[in-house]
Amino acid sequence: MSGGSTYQTCLASVGGDTDALLECVAGTLDAAMNTATDSVTNSVNTFFLIFAAILVFFMQTGFAMICAGSVRVNNVQNTLLKNLLDACGASLGFYTVGYAFAFGGSFSNPSQTTFIGNTNFFLMDVENQAFWLFQFAFAATSATIVAGTLAERCQMSAYLCYSVALSAFVYPVVVHSIWSNNGFLSANNSNPLLGIGMVDFAGSCVVHVTGGMTALIATNILGPRTGRFRDIRGNLLEKPRPMPGHSVALQMLGTFILWVGWYGFNSGSVVYLMQNDNYEVVSHVAINTTLAAAAGTVMALFIDTAIQEHNTGEVTFNLSYAMNGCLAGLVSITAGCAVVQSWAALIIGAIGGALFLGCSKLLVKRRIDDAVDAVPVHLSSGIWGSLSVGLLADPTWLSKVYGNSNHAGWFYSWSRGSADAHLLACQVIGVLFVLGWVTVTMTPFFWLLHYFGFLRADSLEEVVGLDVGYTGGALHNRLHAKDDDQNYSAYLDEYVHRRKERAFMKNTSGHIPASSVHSPSLHGHSYHGRKVITPAMKEEAMGNSSVRSNSSVRVGAVSNSSESVKSPGSDRDWKDNDNAVMDSSRDSGVPSLSSVKEEHV
């Protein structure tokens, strides 16, 4: 509204009374200025939140690069596809019900404490949609943590089911409990637990402990990669077999991308940049994030180098440990990045790097296979980061961020002459709740997938690479196989033959059993086979009553009956092809999978 029109409007409203006229003009201009200021504030806050969401979502690229670099070349396409499905599954799950379970009702009725949200399904009545985008990026991050852990042996369908289930239900309940105004653990609750609630500023517990614990449960049920801790016959190896990734460069690229994205992850959690003194909080968070990452890198590298020098007498530097130490430092500082001093950020990051190294070696000792060390990075460091807030939270920053400094970190309480551990107790309760909730929900979920045969890929697919089975990369893998790896070529021929058998039986009989069989006593813990073809199925398909039962055919093994079965319109002799594959394997000096299975039967 222009000054002239304001004057004319007020003059017509109050007449010639000078005082009343001036008061009317001043009031009208103030209202217009406030409206303009609110518009600018909302615009800046929205842009800040969308930019932070973009940085957090860009972390998906970092996770994808780390996973791709950490697997062998014959699993790269499959791993990248799973990372893409993470984002897709998380978006669908969080859009439909995930956001509603996480934040439904927290803004309209903040005084009520609930276990789960019950409004805003399908984004209905959501006013701040930029906030939804930001929270979706967090949900996708939590889901993608598991991708690397299950690399090289997990079925595609199982992974898509998992990402939807986690982002639609399991993760939102954790978010609602700790971040929503209605959560029983939330520091923003009108009546917080123990007078302070759990402080998890950007998600060490909410995001990383949830994802890390899910990864630990999944890999325990799924089992290690074939050949990691046992040979192909199922015998326990004296030392675990290293399975290094094919590209350290991709791993390093992914690490730097994650470090950059973490500035959006932590600093963006301020949410409202133009509120109070939040610009100071954003800067403080970014500095603490940087220091913790550096401290975690140096600590992990230093400890591993010292151990290697002590054991071998040689000084070596492990780049993989340095990169994961950096990520461990970032995970550790995520919970307290806004409420601890910079010197405390260094301590938190350094301890996070050390914990990662110890947990990584413990997993190998316990024969738990984690292809990218996601469990040590996210679970152990996430737990430590959550507990560190209860020890090192500064009362000044607590007051600035949460408006409550009555219960600071335990060490600060000592300096006040008390042993107030309310905040530490809330942190412990929060961590235990998340661990318990994820265990109760995800253990039966993965167990059922495993029981019905939808979790683990076929054992032969593992050997030749999941790219062959899921993305048709057989030729690609042949070209990248080593010249002297004749055994791999034999395995690949056998796998291609098996797929043709399955397609033939499906076309002729209309069905084929797709259950999974896992017999530790027969095949060892690393084997996971399938029923492929039985004599009865051949007899039914070919209509040949003379096909006799062959005792050499077993559950989980490729059929090697003495009958020569040919598909209609084809001169392919299945028996002769089996023998050719077996002969090429024997010539290479290494037993094929089928011969190994027959030997164990």
Foldseek 3Di string as FASTA:
>chain_A
DDLVVQLVVLCVVPPPPPVSSVVSSVVVVVVVVVVVVVVVLVVVLLVLLLVLLVLLLLLLLLLLLQLLQLAAVQANVVLNVLSVLLLVLLVVQCQAALVQQQAAPLVVPLAAADQTGDDCGNNPPPDNVSVSSSVSSLLSLLLSLLSQQCGLWWFSVLSSVSSNCSNNPLLSSLNNQDPGSNHQQHQNDPQHALRGGFFFQQPLQSRQQLSLLLNQLLLVLRDAAAQQQADQQFHGDPAGDDRGGDHVPSNVVSLVSNLSSLLSRQLVSLSRCPPDPSVVLSVQLNLLLVLLLVLQLVLQQVVVQVVCCVVPVDGDGDVLLSSLSSLQSNSLQRRPSRFAHSVLSSVLSNVSSVQLNVVVVVCSVVRRGGSNSSNSRRNRSSLNSSLVQQAGGHLVSCCVRSVDSPRGHQPVVVVVVHRRRSNNVSSVVSNVVSSVSSCVPSNVVSNVCVQQQNTTDASLCSLLHVCCVPVVCNVVSVVVDDPLPLQSVLSSLVVVLLVVQQVLLCVQVVDFDRGKDQDCVQRHRNHIFAARDFQVSLCVRVVDPPRDGDPLDDGRADDQGPDFDDGPPDPDTSNVSVVVSQVSNVVSVHGHSRVSNSVSD
